[in-house]
Amino acid sequence: MSVLVVGSGGREHALAWALAQEDRTTTPFCAPGNPGIASVATCIPCSPLDFDTLAGEATRRGIALTIVGPEAPLAAGFVDAFAVRGLRAFGPTRDAAAIESSKIFMKSLCRRYEIPTAEARTFDDVVPALEYVRRAGRPLVIKADGLAAGKGVVMARSADEAAAAVEEMMTGRRFGDAGARVVVEEWLEGREVSVFGLSDGVHVVPLLPARDYKRLLDGDRGPNTGSMGGYAPADSWACGASQSAPATMSSKPEPAVDDAMLGRITDEILEPAIWAMAQEGRPYRGVLFAGLMLTAAGPRVLEFNARFGDPEAQLLMPLLASGLRDAAEAALAGRVDRWAPRWRPGYTLCVTLCASGYPERPRSGMPIDGIEAAQALPGVLVFHAGTAMRDGRLVVSGGRVLNVVAMGQTLEDARDRAYRAAALINFEGKTLRRDIGSDEIVPHDVAHDVREVTQA
């Protein structure tokens, strides 16, 4: 069965790669794709927002299933447009995708249906927004209401920082119309984790939890980015917080998301969200991404996304043994309750290689070398995120350039492989974080203490 993946980044490379691994007899399609995706799929040079042309290509090529990667086509009604033409697309409708495309809608939904989230105020006028953040006298999180490619969040430690963020979004239109309205949210302390649920509109099944590192610099410093890397599953002894200081070392490690916590997240967040969307007349079919903070009072929703995360897809696809196509078919057929994911043992860790100047003004055009050597290392995959071919050379064409993903039986093993592979890839201005997963590795003395406590 022919499958089309829509998108051109590292997430879409991972999805196309997974489909190619599942069925070696049929090459998937990707629109528009990138040079890395071209090694595993047939690329169709078409914008993800050109629904008419894509529907025509799907019909002409006999494509039976389309998997939409990015949020923008979903928010614009990709699934609706395909359905009108009798074509099947995996992902939420435009109305259901509002759970990501409007943070104000998301906060209102959580409030109405008592889904635990951070306390927040919403504003569509800059004057009361500025008055509020200046009076608050505490750290706040400022979020653009609309889609901002993962960059529309500012964690402000002071009133001045909060006011500057509000001004940039609402008056300076840093994110265009996406920042015309803002959400001002309380600053939560805890451990941050990404949890995904596959849903058919009624049922939901959780996938493996993952951790994403958003800040540009080591130690969770610097501006928010689309992502600098991550690892899965997020079940190691401590999960550092992106909205607070990194977790301190403990002599008694505990899982970030063990089976009990995953069950609680499913019961308190994923299932209520799917039920709420159905009650709103917006049944949600596809992958629901819950960005969560694990606080002392329990899990709290930071955001909902209407698709696989990036780089979480790059982390989950190598571990998913039961197949991406089967997951999509279960959601479309309304039988998620009869679908159970199977996972390969071990961990994956992703190091994102970025262009200099990222995230504000990334440079492009620099030649890239060393990918073949990196991929030759055992357990290493390199997914292309922002690359292009020019005059026969692979060059940088986006802020996030490559996702170097490694698999290992332990998180430490995966981390070591990923960084060894990343060191083999070179381009001018290569930027990366050096601490992905490092705060999750248990030192030998702590591990020894844990074994003693467990054995006792």
Protein backbone atom coordinates (compact mmCIF):
# COMPACT_ATOMS: atom_id res chain seq x y z
CA MET A 1 0.00 0.00 0.00
CA SER A 2 1.42 3.39 -1.03
CA VAL A 3 1.78 5.95 1.75
CA LEU A 4 2.48 9.68 1.45
CA VAL A 5 4.26 11.66 4.18
CA VAL A 6 3.68 15.42 4.07
CA GLY A 7 6.53 17.67 5.21
CA SER A 8 10.22 18.34 4.75
CA GLY A 9 11.97 18.15 8.12
CA GLY A 10 13.63 15.67 10.45
CA ARG A 11 10.28 14.45 11.75
CA GLU A 12 9.13 13.61 8.22
CA HIS A 13 12.45 11.90 7.46
CA ALA A 14 11.92 9.69 10.52
CA LEU A 15 8.32 8.89 9.50
CA ALA A 16 9.32 8.04 5.93
CA TRP A 17 12.25 5.96 7.20
CA ALA A 18 9.92 3.99 9.51
CA LEU A 19 7.50 3.27 6.66
CA ALA A 20 10.37 2.14 4.41
CA GLN A 21 11.59 -0.23 7.13
CA GLU A 22 8.13 -1.73 7.59
CA ASP A 23 7.56 -2.51 3.90
CA ARG A 24 10.64 -3.10 1.76
CA THR A 25 8.48 -3.81 -1.30
CA THR A 26 6.80 -0.37 -1.56
CA THR A 27 8.66 2.95 -1.49
CA PRO A 28 6.79 5.67 0.39
CA PHE A 29 6.22 9.13 -1.08
CA CYS A 30 7.03 12.45 0.60
CA ALA A 31 6.00 16.00 -0.30
CA PRO A 32 8.14 17.98 -0.65
CA GLY A 33 10.81 15.97 1.21
CA ASN A 34 14.52 16.80 1.43
CA PRO A 35 17.82 15.22 0.29
CA GLY A 36 17.86 12.79 3.21
CA ILE A 37 14.25 11.74 2.70
CA ALA A 38 15.04 11.12 -0.97
CA SER A 39 17.19 8.15 0.12
CA VAL A 40 14.13 6.32 1.51
CA ALA A 41 11.16 7.84 -0.37
CA THR A 42 10.07 9.25 -3.71
CA CYS A 43 9.89 13.03 -3.24
CA ILE A 44 7.07 15.07 -4.80
CA PRO A 45 8.04 18.77 -5.18
CA CYS A 46 4.85 20.25 -3.79
CA SER A 47 4.06 22.57 -0.89
CA PRO A 48 2.32 20.93 2.11
CA LEU A 49 -0.28 23.73 1.85
CA ASP A 50 -1.13 23.09 -1.81
CA PHE A 51 -4.02 20.76 -1.04
CA ASP A 52 -5.40 20.59 -4.59
CA THR A 53 -2.11 19.53 -6.16
CA LEU A 54 -1.34 17.04 -3.40
CA ALA A 55 -4.81 15.49 -3.66
CA GLY A 56 -4.31 15.17 -7.40
CA GLU A 57 -0.94 13.48 -6.89
CA ALA A 58 -2.42 11.11 -4.29
CA THR A 59 -5.19 10.11 -6.70
CA ARG A 60 -2.87 9.75 -9.69
CA ARG A 61 -0.30 7.68 -7.81
CA GLY A 62 -2.85 5.47 -6.03
CA ILE A 63 -1.79 6.62 -2.57
CA ALA A 64 -4.01 4.90 0.00
CA LEU A 65 -2.88 6.75 3.13
CA THR A 66 -1.37 10.17 3.84
CA ILE A 67 0.43 10.99 7.09
CA VAL A 68 0.71 14.72 7.82
CA GLY A 69 3.86 15.73 9.70
CA PRO A 70 3.78 19.52 10.38
CA GLU A 71 1.16 21.52 12.24
CA ALA A 72 0.53 24.23 9.63
CA PRO A 73 -1.24 22.00 7.05
CA LEU A 74 -3.36 20.43 9.80
CA ALA A 75 -4.38 23.84 11.13
CA ALA A 76 -5.24 24.93 7.58
CA GLY A 77 -7.56 21.95 7.03
CA PHE A 78 -5.46 19.35 5.19
CA VAL A 79 -7.44 16.37 6.53
CA ASP A 80 -10.76 18.07 5.69
CA ALA A 81 -9.63 18.83 2.13
CA PHE A 82 -8.57 15.24 1.53
CA ALA A 83 -11.77 13.83 3.06
CA VAL A 84 -13.91 15.89 0.65
CA ARG A 85 -12.05 14.17 -2.20
CA GLY A 86 -12.49 10.70 -0.70
CA LEU A 87 -8.84 10.44 0.37
CA ARG A 88 -7.62 9.21 3.74
CA ALA A 89 -5.27 11.36 5.80
CA PHE A 90 -3.96 10.60 9.29
CA GLY A 91 -4.27 13.60 11.60
CA PRO A 92 -6.92 15.83 13.16
CA THR A 93 -9.35 18.00 11.22
CA ARG A 94 -8.95 21.77 11.19
CA ASP A 95 -11.41 22.16 14.07
CA ALA A 96 -9.63 19.52 16.15
CA ALA A 97 -6.18 20.94 15.35
CA ALA A 98 -7.25 24.11 17.20
CA ILE A 99 -5.99 22.37 20.33
CA GLU A 100 -2.54 23.41 19.03
CA SER A 101 -3.24 26.30 16.68
CA SER A 102 -4.83 28.39 19.47
CA LYS A 103 -3.34 28.32 22.94
CA ILE A 104 -6.32 30.35 24.12
CA PHE A 105 -8.68 27.62 22.91
CA MET A 106 -6.51 25.00 24.63
CA LYS A 107 -6.50 26.84 27.95
CA SER A 108 -10.26 27.38 27.74
CA LEU A 109 -10.79 23.68 27.01
CA CYS A 110 -8.70 22.65 30.02
CA ARG A 111 -10.58 25.07 32.23
CA ARG A 112 -14.04 23.90 31.10
CA TYR A 113 -13.25 20.21 31.46
CA GLU A 114 -10.97 20.43 34.52
CA ILE A 115 -7.87 19.13 32.77
CA PRO A 116 -4.93 20.09 35.02
CA THR A 117 -2.85 22.93 33.56
CA ALA A 118 -1.05 26.09 34.65
CA GLU A 119 -3.16 29.04 35.79
CA ALA A 120 -3.31 31.64 33.02
CA ARG A 121 -4.81 34.89 31.75
CA THR A 122 -5.42 35.67 28.09
CA PHE A 123 -5.18 39.08 26.41
CA ASP A 124 -6.03 40.54 23.02
CA ASP A 125 -5.05 44.10 23.99
CA VAL A 126 -1.47 45.04 24.79
CA VAL A 127 -2.32 47.67 27.46
CA PRO A 128 -4.03 45.37 30.01
CA ALA A 129 -1.47 42.67 29.25
CA LEU A 130 1.39 45.01 30.15
CA GLU A 131 -0.43 46.20 33.28
CA TYR A 132 -0.93 42.61 34.41
CA VAL A 133 2.65 41.40 33.94
CA ARG A 134 4.08 44.52 35.59
CA ARG A 135 1.84 44.06 38.64
CA ALA A 136 2.43 40.32 38.94
CA GLY A 137 5.85 40.59 40.58
CA ARG A 138 6.79 36.96 39.87
CA PRO A 139 8.21 34.84 37.02
CA LEU A 140 5.72 34.30 34.20
CA VAL A 141 5.51 32.44 30.89
CA ILE A 142 4.37 34.48 27.86
CA LYS A 143 2.94 32.52 24.92
CA ALA A 144 1.80 33.62 21.48
CA ASP A 145 -1.71 32.32 20.85
CA GLY A 146 -1.08 30.97 17.36
CA LEU A 147 1.49 28.79 15.63
CA ALA A 148 5.07 30.03 15.94
CA ALA A 149 7.18 27.02 14.93
CA GLY A 150 7.88 26.11 18.55
CA LYS A 151 9.45 29.50 19.31
CA GLY A 152 6.45 31.50 20.57
CA VAL A 153 7.17 30.97 24.26
CA VAL A 154 9.18 33.27 26.52
CA MET A 155 9.99 32.33 30.09
CA ALA A 156 10.31 35.66 31.86
CA ARG A 157 11.97 35.76 35.26
CA SER A 158 11.21 39.46 35.83
CA ALA A 159 8.47 41.98 35.10
CA ASP A 160 10.75 43.74 32.60
CA GLU A 161 11.37 40.51 30.68
CA ALA A 162 7.64 39.72 30.67
CA ALA A 163 6.73 43.23 29.46
CA ALA A 164 9.36 43.06 26.71
CA ALA A 165 7.97 39.71 25.53
CA VAL A 166 4.42 41.06 25.45
CA GLU A 167 5.54 44.13 23.49
CA GLU A 168 7.51 42.03 20.98
CA MET A 169 4.57 39.71 20.35
CA MET A 170 1.60 42.06 20.42
CA THR A 171 3.05 45.34 19.17
CA GLY A 172 6.21 44.30 17.34
CA ARG A 173 4.43 41.28 15.80
CA ARG A 174 7.54 39.15 16.20
CA PHE A 175 5.43 36.10 15.28
CA GLY A 176 3.04 37.89 12.96
CA ASP A 177 -0.66 37.36 13.59
CA ALA A 178 0.17 34.42 15.88
CA GLY A 179 1.16 36.94 18.57
CA ALA A 180 -1.83 39.26 18.21
CA ARG A 181 -3.24 37.55 21.29
CA VAL A 182 -1.19 36.14 24.15
CA VAL A 183 -1.48 33.77 27.09
CA VAL A 184 0.26 34.82 30.31
CA GLU A 185 0.82 31.73 32.39
CA GLU A 186 2.14 30.88 35.83
CA TRP A 187 5.70 29.56 35.95
CA LEU A 188 5.57 25.89 36.96
CA GLU A 189 8.35 24.09 38.81
CA GLY A 190 9.00 20.42 38.14
CA ARG A 191 10.15 17.95 35.53
CA GLU A 192 9.15 18.38 31.89
CA VAL A 193 8.17 15.45 29.67
CA SER A 194 6.40 14.81 26.35
CA VAL A 195 3.71 12.12 26.25
CA PHE A 196 1.86 11.11 23.09
CA GLY A 197 -1.48 9.39 22.72
CA LEU A 198 -2.84 7.67 19.62
CA SER A 199 -6.57 8.36 19.32
CA ASP A 200 -9.46 7.38 17.07
CA GLY A 201 -11.72 10.10 18.48
CA VAL A 202 -13.01 7.93 21.33
CA HIS A 203 -10.16 5.78 22.61
CA VAL A 204 -6.57 6.76 23.33
CA VAL A 205 -3.43 4.66 23.87
CA PRO A 206 -0.27 6.29 25.29
CA LEU A 207 3.07 5.96 23.53
CA LEU A 208 6.51 6.10 25.12
CA PRO A 209 7.30 9.30 27.03
CA ALA A 210 10.19 11.43 25.77
CA ARG A 211 12.17 14.45 26.88
CA ASP A 212 12.84 17.43 24.60
CA TYR A 213 15.52 20.09 25.24
CA LYS A 214 14.15 23.42 23.99
CA ARG A 215 16.73 25.94 25.17
CA LEU A 216 19.64 26.81 22.89
CA LEU A 217 22.48 26.52 25.41
CA ASP A 218 23.78 23.91 27.85
CA GLY A 219 22.15 23.92 31.26
CA ASP A 220 18.79 24.98 29.80
CA ARG A 221 19.95 28.55 29.16
CA GLY A 222 19.36 30.88 26.26
CA PRO A 223 16.29 31.37 24.05
CA ASN A 224 13.68 28.74 23.24
CA THR A 225 14.19 26.90 19.96
CA GLY A 226 12.28 24.33 17.95
CA SER A 227 14.46 21.77 19.74
CA MET A 228 18.11 21.01 20.40
CA GLY A 229 17.61 17.27 20.96
CA GLY A 230 16.10 14.80 23.39
CA TYR A 231 15.86 11.17 24.43
CA ALA A 232 13.31 8.40 24.92
CA PRO A 233 11.92 6.78 26.92
CA ALA A 234 11.91 9.42 29.67
CA ASP A 235 11.99 6.83 32.44
CA SER A 236 15.45 7.54 33.89
CA TRP A 237 16.07 8.63 37.46
CA ALA A 238 15.50 12.37 37.03
CA CYS A 239 14.09 14.62 34.34
CA GLY A 240 15.43 18.16 34.49
CA ALA A 241 12.93 21.01 34.24
CA SER A 242 12.93 23.53 31.43
CA GLN A 243 11.03 26.09 33.52
CA SER A 244 13.15 25.83 36.62
CA ALA A 245 16.74 25.21 37.61
CA PRO A 246 18.08 21.79 36.56
CA ALA A 247 17.18 19.00 38.95
CA THR A 248 19.64 18.52 41.77
CA MET A 249 21.34 15.19 42.40
CA SER A 250 19.36 12.85 44.62
CA SER A 251 20.63 9.84 46.54
CA LYS A 252 17.35 8.06 45.86
CA PRO A 253 16.60 8.14 42.12
CA GLU A 254 13.03 7.71 40.92
CA PRO A 255 11.59 7.26 37.43
CA ALA A 256 10.40 10.34 35.59
CA VAL A 257 7.47 8.49 34.02
CA ASP A 258 7.03 4.98 35.38
CA ASP A 259 3.97 2.84 34.63
CA ALA A 260 2.00 4.41 37.48
CA MET A 261 2.72 7.97 36.31
CA LEU A 262 1.94 7.09 32.69
CA GLY A 263 -1.38 5.64 33.86
CA ARG A 264 -2.12 8.82 35.78
CA ILE A 265 -1.28 10.99 32.75
CA THR A 266 -3.59 8.85 30.61
CA ASP A 267 -6.44 8.99 33.16
CA GLU A 268 -6.13 12.67 34.09
CA ILE A 269 -5.00 14.29 30.82
CA LEU A 270 -5.08 12.22 27.62
CA GLU A 271 -8.48 10.56 28.03
CA PRO A 272 -10.21 13.72 29.38
CA ALA A 273 -8.78 15.75 26.47
CA ILE A 274 -10.09 13.28 23.86
CA TRP A 275 -13.49 13.19 25.61
CA ALA A 276 -13.59 16.99 25.83
CA MET A 277 -12.86 17.41 22.13
CA ALA A 278 -15.68 14.99 21.31
CA GLN A 279 -18.06 16.97 23.54
CA GLU A 280 -17.04 20.14 21.70
CA GLY A 281 -17.99 18.58 18.37
CA ARG A 282 -14.31 18.34 17.37
CA PRO A 283 -13.51 14.60 17.59
CA TYR A 284 -9.75 14.17 17.69
CA ARG A 285 -8.19 11.47 15.48
CA GLY A 286 -4.45 11.20 15.20
CA VAL A 287 -1.55 11.67 17.58
CA LEU A 288 -2.16 14.02 20.50
CA PHE A 289 1.07 15.43 21.93
CA ALA A 290 0.87 16.51 25.56
CA GLY A 291 3.76 18.66 26.76
CA LEU A 292 3.68 18.23 30.53
CA MET A 293 5.31 19.48 33.70
CA LEU A 294 5.45 16.91 36.49
CA THR A 295 4.92 19.12 39.53
CA ALA A 296 4.67 18.29 43.23
CA ALA A 297 0.88 18.46 42.81
CA GLY A 298 0.88 16.11 39.81
CA PRO A 299 1.15 16.40 36.01
CA ARG A 300 0.14 19.71 34.46
CA VAL A 301 -0.40 20.48 30.77
CA LEU A 302 2.00 23.03 29.30
CA GLU A 303 0.73 22.59 25.75
CA PHE A 304 -1.09 20.25 23.41
CA ASN A 305 0.22 19.66 19.89
CA ALA A 306 -1.80 18.09 17.10
CA ARG A 307 0.91 15.82 15.64
CA PHE A 308 4.11 13.95 16.34
CA GLY A 309 6.74 16.10 17.99
CA ASP A 310 10.07 17.07 16.50
CA PRO A 311 12.47 15.53 17.59
CA GLU A 312 10.19 13.10 19.46
CA ALA A 313 9.23 11.35 16.21
CA GLN A 314 12.92 10.83 15.49
CA LEU A 315 13.25 9.24 18.93
CA LEU A 316 10.12 7.07 18.87
CA MET A 317 10.21 5.69 15.32
CA PRO A 318 13.41 3.61 15.81
CA LEU A 319 11.86 2.11 18.97
CA LEU A 320 8.39 1.38 17.53
CA ALA A 321 8.28 -2.30 16.57
CA SER A 322 4.55 -2.57 15.87
CA GLY A 323 4.60 -0.25 12.86
CA LEU A 324 3.61 3.33 12.03
CA ARG A 325 1.18 2.33 9.29
CA ASP A 326 -0.68 -0.04 11.63
CA ALA A 327 -0.99 2.78 14.17
CA ALA A 328 -2.44 5.15 11.59
CA GLU A 329 -4.84 2.50 10.31
CA ALA A 330 -6.08 1.79 13.84
CA ALA A 331 -6.83 5.48 14.41
CA LEU A 332 -8.63 5.87 11.08
CA ALA A 333 -10.65 2.67 11.53
CA GLY A 334 -11.81 3.49 15.07
CA ARG A 335 -10.07 0.53 16.66
CA VAL A 336 -7.34 2.08 18.79
CA ASP A 337 -8.77 0.15 21.75
CA ARG A 338 -7.66 -3.05 19.97
CA TRP A 339 -4.20 -1.71 19.08
CA ALA A 340 -1.24 -2.19 21.42
CA PRO A 341 2.17 -0.72 20.60
CA ARG A 342 5.23 -2.94 20.79
CA TRP A 343 8.55 -1.28 21.59
CA ARG A 344 12.12 -2.36 21.03
CA PRO A 345 14.22 -2.46 24.21
CA GLY A 346 16.69 0.29 25.00
CA TYR A 347 16.93 4.04 24.50
CA THR A 348 17.30 6.58 21.70
CA LEU A 349 19.02 9.95 22.04
CA CYS A 350 19.00 12.81 19.54
CA VAL A 351 21.56 15.59 19.15
CA THR A 352 20.39 18.36 16.83
CA LEU A 353 23.04 20.08 14.74
CA CYS A 354 22.03 23.67 14.03
CA ALA A 355 23.25 26.48 11.82
CA SER A 356 25.09 29.43 13.31
CA GLY A 357 22.69 32.22 14.23
CA TYR A 358 19.87 29.83 15.08
CA PRO A 359 17.10 30.43 16.16
CA GLU A 360 16.85 34.12 15.21
CA ARG A 361 19.00 34.48 12.05
CA PRO A 362 20.37 31.11 10.92
CA ARG A 363 22.95 31.16 8.15
CA SER A 364 22.62 28.88 5.14
CA GLY A 365 24.60 27.63 2.16
CA MET A 366 27.52 26.01 4.01
CA PRO A 367 28.63 22.58 2.66
CA ILE A 368 28.09 19.55 4.92
CA ASP A 369 30.55 16.66 5.26
CA GLY A 370 30.80 13.49 7.33
CA ILE A 371 27.23 12.15 7.31
CA GLU A 372 28.26 8.83 5.76
CA ALA A 373 30.95 8.30 8.42
CA ALA A 374 28.46 9.10 11.17
CA GLN A 375 25.84 6.70 9.82
CA ALA A 376 28.44 3.94 9.60
CA LEU A 377 28.62 3.81 13.40
CA PRO A 378 26.49 1.00 14.92
CA GLY A 379 23.02 2.10 16.01
CA VAL A 380 23.26 5.59 14.46
CA LEU A 381 20.71 7.28 12.18
CA VAL A 382 21.03 10.79 10.70
CA PHE A 383 17.74 12.49 9.83
CA HIS A 384 17.86 15.58 7.61
CA ALA A 385 16.00 18.62 8.94
CA GLY A 386 17.33 21.62 7.00
CA THR A 387 19.46 20.51 4.07
CA ALA A 388 19.45 21.08 0.30
CA MET A 389 21.46 20.08 -2.78
CA ARG A 390 23.23 22.92 -4.59
CA ASP A 391 25.64 22.34 -7.46
CA GLY A 392 25.92 18.70 -6.45
CA ARG A 393 26.81 19.45 -2.82
CA LEU A 394 24.75 18.93 0.31
CA VAL A 395 24.42 22.29 2.08
CA VAL A 396 22.74 23.89 5.08
CA SER A 397 19.31 25.30 4.25
CA GLY A 398 17.59 25.74 7.63
CA GLY A 399 18.12 26.49 11.30
CA ARG A 400 17.93 22.90 12.46
CA VAL A 401 20.15 21.07 10.00
CA LEU A 402 20.50 17.43 11.08
CA ASN A 403 19.16 15.16 13.82
CA VAL A 404 21.81 12.67 14.90
CA VAL A 405 19.96 9.80 16.60
CA ALA A 406 21.60 6.84 18.30
CA MET A 407 20.14 3.71 19.85
CA GLY A 408 21.61 1.94 22.86
CA GLN A 409 20.72 -0.57 25.52
CA THR A 410 21.26 2.15 28.11
CA LEU A 411 20.80 5.91 27.92
CA GLU A 412 24.53 6.35 28.52
CA ASP A 413 25.33 4.07 25.58
CA ALA A 414 22.92 5.94 23.28
CA ARG A 415 24.37 9.28 24.38
CA ASP A 416 27.96 8.19 23.76
CA ARG A 417 27.12 6.95 20.26
CA ALA A 418 25.15 10.07 19.34
CA TYR A 419 27.94 12.45 20.34
CA ARG A 420 30.62 10.35 18.63
CA ALA A 421 28.55 10.48 15.45
CA ALA A 422 27.86 14.21 15.78
CA ALA A 423 31.61 14.87 16.03
CA LEU A 424 32.12 13.28 12.59
CA ILE A 425 29.76 15.71 10.84
CA ASN A 426 31.11 19.11 9.89
CA PHE A 427 29.85 22.36 8.45
CA GLU A 428 30.86 25.94 9.12
CA GLY A 429 29.19 27.31 12.25
CA LYS A 430 27.91 23.93 13.48
CA THR A 431 26.02 24.54 16.74
CA LEU A 432 24.87 21.92 19.25
CA ARG A 433 24.20 21.35 22.91
CA ARG A 434 26.74 19.18 24.70
CA ASP A 435 24.52 18.11 27.60
CA ILE A 436 21.63 16.21 26.03
CA GLY A 437 20.84 13.40 28.43
CA SER A 438 23.81 14.12 30.70
CA ASP A 439 21.67 15.09 33.70
CA GLU A 440 19.88 11.75 33.44
CA ILE A 441 22.95 9.53 33.74
CA VAL A 442 23.22 8.12 37.26
CA PRO A 443 26.79 8.40 38.60
CA HIS A 444 28.28 5.12 39.75
CA ASP A 445 28.21 6.08 43.44
CA VAL A 446 24.52 6.99 43.25
CA ALA A 447 23.73 3.82 41.28
CA HIS A 448 25.48 1.80 43.97
CA ASP A 449 23.37 3.48 46.68
CA VAL A 450 20.20 2.72 44.73
CA ARG A 451 21.07 -0.97 44.39
CA GLU A 452 21.66 -1.17 48.13
CA VAL A 453 18.30 0.46 48.87
CA THR A 454 16.52 -1.82 46.37
CA GLN A 455 18.15 -4.97 47.71
CA ALA A 456 17.34 -3.97 51.27
